């Protein structure tokens, strides 16, 4: 598997289905890096080591992931369907807020 598909799989795990590889997220969405690597490799289909994981996080164009200070924990920064608090500062939105998307998605966004 290539880096892009591995990154998408990591996103699935860290945002939606950590149970896919038998791991859990803490209340702030953090997962143990070693458990993530071992879980992905045990499942098969993707190969992940620390070097590749560091590269995925460093080069991700959308900044999807972050490590804690000593790189022992990793989390997705947004877009979770599981209940986590990623500790973002709450801000008041401006009076007019724009969202760029395709027209076919407008009804679901309006909901």
PDB file of N, CA and C in Angstrom:
ATOM      1  N   UNK A   1       0.840  -1.187   0.000  1.00  0.00           N
ATOM      2  CA  UNK A   1       0.000   0.000   0.000  1.00  0.00           C
ATOM      3  C   UNK A   1       0.883   1.249   0.000  1.00  0.00           C
ATOM      4  N   UNK A   2       0.375   2.323  -0.587  1.00  0.00           N
ATOM      5  CA  UNK A   2       1.155   3.542  -0.636  1.00  0.00           C
ATOM      6  C   UNK A   2       0.864   4.443   0.564  1.00  0.00           C
ATOM      7  N   UNK A   3       1.643   5.509   0.663  1.00  0.00           N
ATOM      8  CA  UNK A   3       1.521   6.406   1.813  1.00  0.00           C
ATOM      9  C   UNK A   3       0.137   7.049   1.884  1.00  0.00           C
ATOM     10  N   UNK A   4      -0.430   7.424   0.747  1.00  0.00           N
ATOM     11  CA  UNK A   4      -1.742   8.064   0.745  1.00  0.00           C
ATOM     12  C   UNK A   4      -2.826   7.137   1.292  1.00  0.00           C
ATOM     13  N   UNK A   5      -2.828   5.897   0.866  1.00  0.00           N
ATOM     14  CA  UNK A   5      -3.859   4.976   1.354  1.00  0.00           C
ATOM     15  C   UNK A   5      -3.646   4.651   2.832  1.00  0.00           C
ATOM     16  N   UNK A   6      -2.388   4.579   3.256  1.00  0.00           N
ATOM     17  CA  UNK A   6      -2.107   4.347   4.676  1.00  0.00           C
ATOM     18  C   UNK A   6      -2.573   5.538   5.505  1.00  0.00           C
ATOM     19  N   UNK A   7      -2.350   6.747   5.009  1.00  0.00           N
ATOM     20  CA  UNK A   7      -2.814   7.946   5.700  1.00  0.00           C
ATOM     21  C   UNK A   7      -4.331   7.962   5.828  1.00  0.00           C
ATOM     22  N   UNK A   8      -5.036   7.575   4.771  1.00  0.00           N
ATOM     23  CA  UNK A   8      -6.501   7.512   4.829  1.00  0.00           C
ATOM     24  C   UNK A   8      -6.969   6.484   5.849  1.00  0.00           C
ATOM     25  N   UNK A   9      -6.256   5.365   5.923  1.00  0.00           N
ATOM     26  CA  UNK A   9      -6.622   4.335   6.893  1.00  0.00           C
ATOM     27  C   UNK A   9      -6.393   4.836   8.321  1.00  0.00           C
ATOM     28  N   UNK A  10      -5.296   5.541   8.539  1.00  0.00           N
ATOM     29  CA  UNK A  10      -5.027   6.135   9.854  1.00  0.00           C
ATOM     30  C   UNK A  10      -6.136   7.122  10.212  1.00  0.00           C
ATOM     31  N   UNK A  11      -6.569   7.913   9.233  1.00  0.00           N
ATOM     32  CA  UNK A  11      -7.658   8.864   9.460  1.00  0.00           C
ATOM     33  C   UNK A  11      -8.935   8.145   9.881  1.00  0.00           C
ATOM     34  N   UNK A  12      -9.260   7.056   9.202  1.00  0.00           N
ATOM     35  CA  UNK A  12     -10.438   6.261   9.573  1.00  0.00           C
ATOM     36  C   UNK A  12     -10.342   5.802  11.022  1.00  0.00           C
ATOM     37  N   UNK A  13      -9.180   5.318  11.406  1.00  0.00           N
ATOM     38  CA  UNK A  13      -8.990   4.802  12.757  1.00  0.00           C
ATOM     39  C   UNK A  13      -9.088   5.922  13.788  1.00  0.00           C
ATOM     40  N   UNK A  14      -8.359   7.018  13.568  1.00  0.00           N
ATOM     41  CA  UNK A  14      -8.259   8.077  14.576  1.00  0.00           C
ATOM     42  C   UNK A  14      -9.484   8.984  14.622  1.00  0.00           C
ATOM     43  N   UNK A  15     -10.289   8.994  13.571  1.00  0.00           N
ATOM     44  CA  UNK A  15     -11.468   9.855  13.557  1.00  0.00           C
ATOM     45  C   UNK A  15     -12.772   9.106  13.783  1.00  0.00           C
ATOM     46  N   UNK A  16     -12.803   7.833  13.379  1.00  0.00           N
ATOM     47  CA  UNK A  16     -14.091   7.147  13.360  1.00  0.00           C
ATOM     48  C   UNK A  16     -14.120   5.754  13.996  1.00  0.00           C
ATOM     49  N   UNK A  17     -13.110   4.916  13.724  1.00  0.00           N
ATOM     50  CA  UNK A  17     -13.217   3.507  14.104  1.00  0.00           C
ATOM     51  C   UNK A  17     -11.917   2.959  14.696  1.00  0.00           C
ATOM     52  N   UNK A  18     -11.526   3.420  15.876  1.00  0.00           N
ATOM     53  CA  UNK A  18     -10.307   2.871  16.476  1.00  0.00           C
ATOM     54  C   UNK A  18     -10.416   1.371  16.761  1.00  0.00           C
ATOM     55  N   UNK A  19     -11.627   0.907  16.960  1.00  0.00           N
ATOM     56  CA  UNK A  19     -11.844  -0.505  17.259  1.00  0.00           C
ATOM     57  C   UNK A  19     -11.467  -1.407  16.086  1.00  0.00           C
ATOM     58  N   UNK A  20     -11.348  -0.839  14.889  1.00  0.00           N
ATOM     59  CA  UNK A  20     -10.958  -1.610  13.710  1.00  0.00           C
ATOM     60  C   UNK A  20      -9.650  -2.353  13.938  1.00  0.00           C
ATOM     61  N   UNK A  21      -8.739  -1.727  14.679  1.00  0.00           N
ATOM     62  CA  UNK A  21      -7.448  -2.364  14.955  1.00  0.00           C
ATOM     63  C   UNK A  21      -7.272  -2.670  16.444  1.00  0.00           C
ATOM     64  N   UNK A  22      -8.370  -2.603  17.193  1.00  0.00           N
ATOM     65  CA  UNK A  22      -8.329  -2.985  18.611  1.00  0.00           C
ATOM     66  C   UNK A  22      -7.683  -1.972  19.535  1.00  0.00           C
ATOM     67  N   UNK A  23      -7.759  -0.676  19.175  1.00  0.00           N
ATOM     68  CA  UNK A  23      -7.229   0.343  20.073  1.00  0.00           C
ATOM     69  C   UNK A  23      -8.356   1.237  20.537  1.00  0.00           C
ATOM     70  N   UNK A  24      -8.071   2.097  21.496  1.00  0.00           N
ATOM     71  CA  UNK A  24      -9.057   3.072  21.944  1.00  0.00           C
ATOM     72  C   UNK A  24      -8.397   4.444  21.997  1.00  0.00           C
ATOM     73  N   UNK A  25      -9.244   5.463  21.964  1.00  0.00           N
ATOM     74  CA  UNK A  25      -8.801   6.844  22.079  1.00  0.00           C
ATOM     75  C   UNK A  25      -9.142   7.341  23.470  1.00  0.00           C
ATOM     76  N   UNK A  26      -8.297   8.217  24.024  1.00  0.00           N
ATOM     77  CA  UNK A  26      -8.664   8.803  25.308  1.00  0.00           C
ATOM     78  C   UNK A  26      -9.685   9.919  25.085  1.00  0.00           C
ATOM     79  N   UNK A  27     -10.086  10.609  26.128  1.00  0.00           N
ATOM     80  CA  UNK A  27     -11.149  11.610  26.026  1.00  0.00           C
ATOM     81  C   UNK A  27     -10.788  12.786  25.118  1.00  0.00           C
ATOM     82  N   UNK A  28      -9.507  12.954  24.818  1.00  0.00           N
ATOM     83  CA  UNK A  28      -9.068  14.035  23.941  1.00  0.00           C
ATOM     84  C   UNK A  28      -8.664  13.534  22.554  1.00  0.00           C
ATOM     85  N   UNK A  29      -8.961  12.278  22.264  1.00  0.00           N
ATOM     86  CA  UNK A  29      -8.707  11.719  20.939  1.00  0.00           C
ATOM     87  C   UNK A  29      -7.319  11.142  20.743  1.00  0.00           C
ATOM     88  N   UNK A  30      -6.511  11.107  21.792  1.00  0.00           N
ATOM     89  CA  UNK A  30      -5.140  10.589  21.677  1.00  0.00           C
ATOM     90  C   UNK A  30      -5.127   9.070  21.655  1.00  0.00           C
ATOM     91  N   UNK A  31      -4.263   8.531  20.795  1.00  0.00           N
ATOM     92  CA  UNK A  31      -4.019   7.089  20.728  1.00  0.00           C
ATOM     93  C   UNK A  31      -2.528   6.854  20.936  1.00  0.00           C
ATOM     94  N   UNK A  32      -2.190   5.731  21.531  1.00  0.00           N
ATOM     95  CA  UNK A  32      -0.796   5.350  21.720  1.00  0.00           C
ATOM     96  C   UNK A  32      -0.181   5.019  20.357  1.00  0.00           C
ATOM     97  N   UNK A  33       0.944   5.663  20.031  1.00  0.00           N
ATOM     98  CA  UNK A  33       1.588   5.481  18.732  1.00  0.00           C
ATOM     99  C   UNK A  33       1.981   4.027  18.504  1.00  0.00           C
ATOM    100  N   UNK A  34       2.579   3.403  19.489  1.00  0.00           N
ATOM    101  CA  UNK A  34       3.024   2.022  19.319  1.00  0.00           C
ATOM    102  C   UNK A  34       1.846   1.076  19.108  1.00  0.00           C
ATOM    103  N   UNK A  35       0.746   1.305  19.836  1.00  0.00           N
ATOM    104  CA  UNK A  35      -0.455   0.484  19.643  1.00  0.00           C
ATOM    105  C   UNK A  35      -1.038   0.694  18.247  1.00  0.00           C
ATOM    106  N   UNK A  36      -1.015   1.935  17.753  1.00  0.00           N
ATOM    107  CA  UNK A  36      -1.493   2.219  16.405  1.00  0.00           C
ATOM    108  C   UNK A  36      -0.670   1.453  15.370  1.00  0.00           C
ATOM    109  N   UNK A  37       0.644   1.555  15.474  1.00  0.00           N
ATOM    110  CA  UNK A  37       1.532   0.874  14.530  1.00  0.00           C
ATOM    111  C   UNK A  37       1.315  -0.639  14.578  1.00  0.00           C
ATOM    112  N   UNK A  38       1.312  -1.202  15.779  1.00  0.00           N
ATOM    113  CA  UNK A  38       1.145  -2.648  15.917  1.00  0.00           C
ATOM    114  C   UNK A  38      -0.228  -3.104  15.427  1.00  0.00           C
ATOM    115  N   UNK A  39      -1.264  -2.327  15.726  1.00  0.00           N
ATOM    116  CA  UNK A  39      -2.614  -2.690  15.309  1.00  0.00           C
ATOM    117  C   UNK A  39      -2.779  -2.684  13.804  1.00  0.00           C
ATOM    118  N   UNK A  40      -2.225  -1.670  13.150  1.00  0.00           N
ATOM    119  CA  UNK A  40      -2.308  -1.600  11.684  1.00  0.00           C
ATOM    120  C   UNK A  40      -1.541  -2.749  11.051  1.00  0.00           C
ATOM    121  N   UNK A  41      -0.351  -3.025  11.551  1.00  0.00           N
ATOM    122  CA  UNK A  41       0.456  -4.105  10.978  1.00  0.00           C
ATOM    123  C   UNK A  41      -0.162  -5.472  11.223  1.00  0.00           C
ATOM    124  N   UNK A  42      -0.787  -5.665  12.370  1.00  0.00           N
ATOM    125  CA  UNK A  42      -1.410  -6.954  12.679  1.00  0.00           C
ATOM    126  C   UNK A  42      -2.612  -7.224  11.787  1.00  0.00           C
ATOM    127  N   UNK A  43      -3.317  -6.173  11.415  1.00  0.00           N
ATOM    128  CA  UNK A  43      -4.499  -6.328  10.576  1.00  0.00           C
ATOM    129  C   UNK A  43      -4.123  -6.736   9.154  1.00  0.00           C
ATOM    130  N   UNK A  44      -2.966  -6.267   8.703  1.00  0.00           N
ATOM    131  CA  UNK A  44      -2.532  -6.569   7.334  1.00  0.00           C
ATOM    132  C   UNK A  44      -3.111  -5.576   6.343  1.00  0.00           C
ATOM    133  N   UNK A  45      -2.559  -5.590   5.152  1.00  0.00           N
ATOM    134  CA  UNK A  45      -3.031  -4.678   4.117  1.00  0.00           C
ATOM    135  C   UNK A  45      -2.251  -3.377   4.053  1.00  0.00           C
ATOM    136  N   UNK A  46      -1.714  -2.956   5.176  1.00  0.00           N
ATOM    137  CA  UNK A  46      -0.896  -1.752   5.255  1.00  0.00           C
ATOM    138  C   UNK A  46       0.328  -2.100   6.090  1.00  0.00           C
ATOM    139  N   UNK A  47       1.450  -1.470   5.770  1.00  0.00           N
ATOM    140  CA  UNK A  47       2.634  -1.595   6.620  1.00  0.00           C
ATOM    141  C   UNK A  47       2.952  -0.220   7.169  1.00  0.00           C
ATOM    142  N   UNK A  48       3.112  -0.136   8.478  1.00  0.00           N
ATOM    143  CA  UNK A  48       3.399   1.142   9.108  1.00  0.00           C
ATOM    144  C   UNK A  48       4.539   0.976  10.093  1.00  0.00           C
ATOM    145  N   UNK A  49       5.497   1.877  10.035  1.00  0.00           N
ATOM    146  CA  UNK A  49       6.536   1.959  11.062  1.00  0.00           C
ATOM    147  C   UNK A  49       6.605   3.415  11.510  1.00  0.00           C
ATOM    148  N   UNK A  50       7.396   3.677  12.524  1.00  0.00           N
ATOM    149  CA  UNK A  50       7.460   5.023  13.094  1.00  0.00           C
ATOM    150  C   UNK A  50       7.932   6.048  12.057  1.00  0.00           C
ATOM    151  N   UNK A  51       8.891   5.672  11.243  1.00  0.00           N
ATOM    152  CA  UNK A  51       9.423   6.598  10.237  1.00  0.00           C
ATOM    153  C   UNK A  51       8.332   7.021   9.242  1.00  0.00           C
ATOM    154  N   UNK A  52       7.553   6.055   8.757  1.00  0.00           N
ATOM    155  CA  UNK A  52       6.479   6.376   7.826  1.00  0.00           C
ATOM    156  C   UNK A  52       5.406   7.214   8.512  1.00  0.00           C
ATOM    157  N   UNK A  53       5.058   6.877   9.741  1.00  0.00           N
ATOM    158  CA  UNK A  53       4.054   7.642  10.474  1.00  0.00           C
ATOM    159  C   UNK A  53       4.510   9.087  10.657  1.00  0.00           C
ATOM    160  N   UNK A  54       5.763   9.294  11.026  1.00  0.00           N
ATOM    161  CA  UNK A  54       6.302  10.654  11.178  1.00  0.00           C
ATOM    162  C   UNK A  54       6.200  11.413   9.850  1.00  0.00           C
ATOM    163  N   UNK A  55       6.497  10.743   8.748  1.00  0.00           N
ATOM    164  CA  UNK A  55       6.428  11.389   7.437  1.00  0.00           C
ATOM    165  C   UNK A  55       4.992  11.739   7.071  1.00  0.00           C
ATOM    166  N   UNK A  56       4.063  10.843   7.353  1.00  0.00           N
ATOM    167  CA  UNK A  56       2.651  11.106   7.070  1.00  0.00           C
ATOM    168  C   UNK A  56       2.178  12.336   7.834  1.00  0.00           C
ATOM    169  N   UNK A  57       2.496  12.409   9.107  1.00  0.00           N
ATOM    170  CA  UNK A  57       2.069  13.556   9.922  1.00  0.00           C
ATOM    171  C   UNK A  57       2.741  14.834   9.426  1.00  0.00           C
ATOM    172  N   UNK A  58       4.021  14.773   9.154  1.00  0.00           N
ATOM    173  CA  UNK A  58       4.790  15.960   8.748  1.00  0.00           C
ATOM    174  C   UNK A  58       4.346  16.510   7.396  1.00  0.00           C
ATOM    175  N   UNK A  59       3.976  15.629   6.464  1.00  0.00           N
ATOM    176  CA  UNK A  59       3.701  16.069   5.097  1.00  0.00           C
ATOM    177  C   UNK A  59       2.218  16.189   4.766  1.00  0.00           C
ATOM    178  N   UNK A  60       1.348  15.877   5.693  1.00  0.00           N
ATOM    179  CA  UNK A  60      -0.078  15.938   5.401  1.00  0.00           C
ATOM    180  C   UNK A  60      -0.493  17.377   5.088  1.00  0.00           C
ATOM    181  N   UNK A  61      -1.017  17.589   3.883  1.00  0.00           N
ATOM    182  CA  UNK A  61      -1.362  18.931   3.417  1.00  0.00           C
ATOM    183  C   UNK A  61      -2.453  19.606   4.240  1.00  0.00           C
ATOM    184  N   UNK A  62      -3.324  18.841   4.818  1.00  0.00           N
ATOM    185  CA  UNK A  62      -4.431  19.410   5.585  1.00  0.00           C
ATOM    186  C   UNK A  62      -4.165  19.434   7.088  1.00  0.00           C
ATOM    187  N   UNK A  63      -3.006  19.005   7.514  1.00  0.00           N
ATOM    188  CA  UNK A  63      -2.691  19.015   8.941  1.00  0.00           C
ATOM    189  C   UNK A  63      -3.648  18.168   9.752  1.00  0.00           C
ATOM    190  N   UNK A  64      -3.956  16.977   9.252  1.00  0.00           N
ATOM    191  CA  UNK A  64      -4.960  16.124   9.882  1.00  0.00           C
ATOM    192  C   UNK A  64      -4.549  15.582  11.246  1.00  0.00           C
ATOM    193  N   UNK A  65      -3.255  15.432  11.474  1.00  0.00           N
ATOM    194  CA  UNK A  65      -2.781  14.722  12.664  1.00  0.00           C
ATOM    195  C   UNK A  65      -1.810  15.574  13.470  1.00  0.00           C
ATOM    196  N   UNK A  66      -1.696  15.229  14.739  1.00  0.00           N
ATOM    197  CA  UNK A  66      -0.652  15.835  15.565  1.00  0.00           C
ATOM    198  C   UNK A  66      -0.164  14.815  16.583  1.00  0.00           C
ATOM    199  N   UNK A  67       1.084  15.006  16.981  1.00  0.00           N
ATOM    200  CA  UNK A  67       1.704  14.215  18.042  1.00  0.00           C
ATOM    201  C   UNK A  67       1.720  15.033  19.322  1.00  0.00           C
ATOM    202  N   UNK A  68       1.803  14.344  20.452  1.00  0.00           N
ATOM    203  CA  UNK A  68       2.093  15.046  21.688  1.00  0.00           C
ATOM    204  C   UNK A  68       3.580  15.410  21.667  1.00  0.00           C
ATOM    205  N   UNK A  69       4.074  16.050  22.728  1.00  0.00           N
ATOM    206  CA  UNK A  69       5.452  16.560  22.731  1.00  0.00           C
ATOM    207  C   UNK A  69       6.508  15.491  22.501  1.00  0.00           C
ATOM    208  N   UNK A  70       6.357  14.316  23.109  1.00  0.00           N
ATOM    209  CA  UNK A  70       7.386  13.286  22.963  1.00  0.00           C
ATOM    210  C   UNK A  70       7.054  12.232  21.893  1.00  0.00           C
ATOM    211  N   UNK A  71       6.022  12.521  21.099  1.00  0.00           N
ATOM    212  CA  UNK A  71       5.628  11.667  19.970  1.00  0.00           C
ATOM    213  C   UNK A  71       5.255  10.243  20.380  1.00  0.00           C
ATOM    214  N   UNK A  72       4.729  10.097  21.596  1.00  0.00           N
ATOM    215  CA  UNK A  72       4.235   8.789  22.035  1.00  0.00           C
ATOM    216  C   UNK A  72       2.736   8.644  21.808  1.00  0.00           C
ATOM    217  N   UNK A  73       2.062   9.775  21.576  1.00  0.00           N
ATOM    218  CA  UNK A  73       0.621   9.784  21.318  1.00  0.00           C
ATOM    219  C   UNK A  73       0.350  10.532  20.025  1.00  0.00           C
ATOM    220  N   UNK A  74      -0.712  10.144  19.339  1.00  0.00           N
ATOM    221  CA  UNK A  74      -1.119  10.778  18.088  1.00  0.00           C
ATOM    222  C   UNK A  74      -2.627  10.937  18.106  1.00  0.00           C
ATOM    223  N   UNK A  75      -3.118  11.966  17.410  1.00  0.00           N
ATOM    224  CA  UNK A  75      -4.563  12.122  17.262  1.00  0.00           C
ATOM    225  C   UNK A  75      -4.880  12.827  15.949  1.00  0.00           C
ATOM    226  N   UNK A  76      -6.115  12.649  15.517  1.00  0.00           N
ATOM    227  CA  UNK A  76      -6.646  13.431  14.408  1.00  0.00           C
ATOM    228  C   UNK A  76      -7.055  14.779  14.996  1.00  0.00           C
ATOM    229  N   UNK A  77      -6.827  15.837  14.260  1.00  0.00           N
ATOM    230  CA  UNK A  77      -7.095  17.174  14.779  1.00  0.00           C
ATOM    231  C   UNK A  77      -8.547  17.610  14.664  1.00  0.00           C
ATOM    232  N   UNK A  78      -9.317  16.953  13.789  1.00  0.00           N
ATOM    233  CA  UNK A  78     -10.715  17.345  13.604  1.00  0.00           C
ATOM    234  C   UNK A  78     -11.455  16.264  12.844  1.00  0.00           C
ATOM    235  N   UNK A  79     -12.779  16.435  12.762  1.00  0.00           N
ATOM    236  CA  UNK A  79     -13.595  15.557  11.928  1.00  0.00           C
ATOM    237  C   UNK A  79     -13.993  14.243  12.559  1.00  0.00           C
ATOM    238  N   UNK A  80     -13.985  14.170  13.870  1.00  0.00           N
ATOM    239  CA  UNK A  80     -14.320  12.924  14.555  1.00  0.00           C
ATOM    240  C   UNK A  80     -15.816  12.620  14.513  1.00  0.00           C
ATOM    241  N   UNK A  81     -16.151  11.365  14.356  1.00  0.00           N
ATOM    242  CA  UNK A  81     -17.529  10.932  14.547  1.00  0.00           C
ATOM    243  C   UNK A  81     -17.673  10.252  15.903  1.00  0.00           C
ATOM    244  N   UNK A  82     -16.557  10.024  16.579  1.00  0.00           N
ATOM    245  CA  UNK A  82     -16.585   9.523  17.953  1.00  0.00           C
ATOM    246  C   UNK A  82     -16.458  10.725  18.878  1.00  0.00           C
ATOM    247  N   UNK A  83     -16.976  10.605  20.069  1.00  0.00           N
ATOM    248  CA  UNK A  83     -17.018  11.730  20.995  1.00  0.00           C
ATOM    249  C   UNK A  83     -15.660  11.965  21.645  1.00  0.00           C
ATOM    250  N   UNK A  84     -14.963  13.018  21.212  1.00  0.00           N
ATOM    251  CA  UNK A  84     -13.696  13.415  21.811  1.00  0.00           C
ATOM    252  C   UNK A  84     -13.655  14.932  21.924  1.00  0.00           C
ATOM    253  N   UNK A  85     -12.850  15.427  22.844  1.00  0.00           N
ATOM    254  CA  UNK A  85     -12.616  16.859  23.022  1.00  0.00           C
ATOM    255  C   UNK A  85     -11.177  17.135  22.609  1.00  0.00           C
ATOM    256  N   UNK A  86     -10.977  17.699  21.421  1.00  0.00           N
ATOM    257  CA  UNK A  86      -9.620  17.953  20.943  1.00  0.00           C
ATOM    258  C   UNK A  86      -9.062  19.277  21.464  1.00  0.00           C
ATOM    259  N   UNK A  87      -9.714  19.811  22.475  1.00  0.00           N
ATOM    260  CA  UNK A  87      -9.209  20.961  23.229  1.00  0.00           C
ATOM    261  C   UNK A  87      -8.971  22.203  22.369  1.00  0.00           C
ATOM    262  N   UNK A  88      -9.883  22.444  21.437  1.00  0.00           N
ATOM    263  CA  UNK A  88      -9.791  23.652  20.625  1.00  0.00           C
ATOM    264  C   UNK A  88     -10.386  24.827  21.381  1.00  0.00           C
ATOM    265  N   UNK A  89      -9.807  25.987  21.178  1.00  0.00           N
ATOM    266  CA  UNK A  89     -10.314  27.191  21.818  1.00  0.00           C
ATOM    267  C   UNK A  89     -11.636  27.578  21.175  1.00  0.00           C
ATOM    268  N   UNK A  90     -12.647  27.805  22.006  1.00  0.00           N
ATOM    269  CA  UNK A  90     -13.949  28.192  21.494  1.00  0.00           C
ATOM    270  C   UNK A  90     -13.909  29.666  21.101  1.00  0.00           C
ATOM    271  N   UNK A  91     -14.417  29.957  19.906  1.00  0.00           N
ATOM    272  CA  UNK A  91     -14.441  31.330  19.416  1.00  0.00           C
ATOM    273  C   UNK A  91     -15.823  31.654  18.879  1.00  0.00           C
ATOM    274  N   UNK A  92     -16.178  32.929  18.914  1.00  0.00           N
ATOM    275  CA  UNK A  92     -17.432  33.387  18.345  1.00  0.00           C
ATOM    276  C   UNK A  92     -17.237  33.560  16.842  1.00  0.00           C
ATOM    277  N   UNK A  93     -18.086  32.928  16.043  1.00  0.00           N
ATOM    278  CA  UNK A  93     -17.920  33.060  14.587  1.00  0.00           C
ATOM    279  C   UNK A  93     -18.294  34.464  14.124  1.00  0.00           C
ATOM    280  N   UNK A  94     -17.787  34.866  12.966  1.00  0.00           N
ATOM    281  CA  UNK A  94     -18.160  36.173  12.423  1.00  0.00           C
ATOM    282  C   UNK A  94     -19.625  36.181  12.004  1.00  0.00           C
ATOM    283  N   UNK A  95     -20.179  37.366  11.749  1.00  0.00           N
ATOM    284  CA  UNK A  95     -21.586  37.493  11.364  1.00  0.00           C
ATOM    285  C   UNK A  95     -21.877  36.734  10.074  1.00  0.00           C
ATOM    286  N   UNK A  96     -20.930  36.719   9.147  1.00  0.00           N
ATOM    287  CA  UNK A  96     -21.083  35.971   7.896  1.00  0.00           C
ATOM    288  C   UNK A  96     -19.941  34.972   7.821  1.00  0.00           C
ATOM    289  N   UNK A  97     -20.303  33.729   7.608  1.00  0.00           N
ATOM    290  CA  UNK A  97     -19.308  32.666   7.565  1.00  0.00           C
ATOM    291  C   UNK A  97     -19.517  31.867   6.284  1.00  0.00           C
ATOM    292  N   UNK A  98     -18.466  31.693   5.505  1.00  0.00           N
ATOM    293  CA  UNK A  98     -18.555  30.972   4.243  1.00  0.00           C
ATOM    294  C   UNK A  98     -17.963  29.574   4.389  1.00  0.00           C
ATOM    295  N   UNK A  99     -18.551  28.646   3.649  1.00  0.00           N
ATOM    296  CA  UNK A  99     -18.061  27.276   3.621  1.00  0.00           C
ATOM    297  C   UNK A  99     -17.968  26.844   2.170  1.00  0.00           C
ATOM    298  N   UNK A 100     -16.777  26.532   1.697  1.00  0.00           N
ATOM    299  CA  UNK A 100     -16.604  26.099   0.317  1.00  0.00           C
ATOM    300  C   UNK A 100     -16.891  24.620   0.177  1.00  0.00           C
ATOM    301  N   UNK A 101     -17.824  24.272  -0.701  1.00  0.00           N
ATOM    302  CA  UNK A 101     -18.165  22.875  -0.918  1.00  0.00           C
ATOM    303  C   UNK A 101     -18.883  22.710  -2.253  1.00  0.00           C
ATOM    304  N   UNK A 102     -19.056  21.487  -2.666  1.00  0.00           N
ATOM    305  CA  UNK A 102     -19.820  21.210  -3.882  1.00  0.00           C
ATOM    306  C   UNK A 102     -21.301  21.392  -3.625  1.00  0.00           C
ATOM    307  N   UNK A 103     -22.036  21.805  -4.643  1.00  0.00           N
ATOM    308  CA  UNK A 103     -23.469  22.093  -4.490  1.00  0.00           C
ATOM    309  C   UNK A 103     -24.281  20.900  -4.009  1.00  0.00           C
ATOM    310  N   UNK A 104     -23.877  19.696  -4.398  1.00  0.00           N
ATOM    311  CA  UNK A 104     -24.668  18.523  -4.009  1.00  0.00           C
ATOM    312  C   UNK A 104     -24.637  18.274  -2.501  1.00  0.00           C
ATOM    313  N   UNK A 105     -23.668  18.888  -1.782  1.00  0.00           N
ATOM    314  CA  UNK A 105     -23.554  18.692  -0.340  1.00  0.00           C
ATOM    315  C   UNK A 105     -24.265  19.781   0.471  1.00  0.00           C
ATOM    316  N   UNK A 106     -24.746  20.825  -0.180  1.00  0.00           N
ATOM    317  CA  UNK A 106     -25.366  21.957   0.518  1.00  0.00           C
ATOM    318  C   UNK A 106     -26.528  21.511   1.413  1.00  0.00           C
ATOM    319  N   UNK A 107     -27.484  20.694   0.924  1.00  0.00           N
ATOM    320  CA  UNK A 107     -28.601  20.305   1.800  1.00  0.00           C
ATOM    321  C   UNK A 107     -28.153  19.632   3.102  1.00  0.00           C
ATOM    322  N   UNK A 108     -27.170  18.745   3.024  1.00  0.00           N
ATOM    323  CA  UNK A 108     -26.744  18.068   4.259  1.00  0.00           C
ATOM    324  C   UNK A 108     -26.005  19.022   5.187  1.00  0.00           C
ATOM    325  N   UNK A 109     -25.292  19.998   4.630  1.00  0.00           N
ATOM    326  CA  UNK A 109     -24.630  21.002   5.463  1.00  0.00           C
ATOM    327  C   UNK A 109     -25.656  21.913   6.126  1.00  0.00           C
ATOM    328  N   UNK A 110     -26.701  22.302   5.379  1.00  0.00           N
ATOM    329  CA  UNK A 110     -27.750  23.144   5.938  1.00  0.00           C
ATOM    330  C   UNK A 110     -28.455  22.483   7.117  1.00  0.00           C
ATOM    331  N   UNK A 111     -28.546  21.144   7.084  1.00  0.00           N
ATOM    332  CA  UNK A 111     -29.194  20.426   8.187  1.00  0.00           C
ATOM    333  C   UNK A 111     -28.416  20.605   9.449  1.00  0.00           C
TER     334      UNK A 111
END
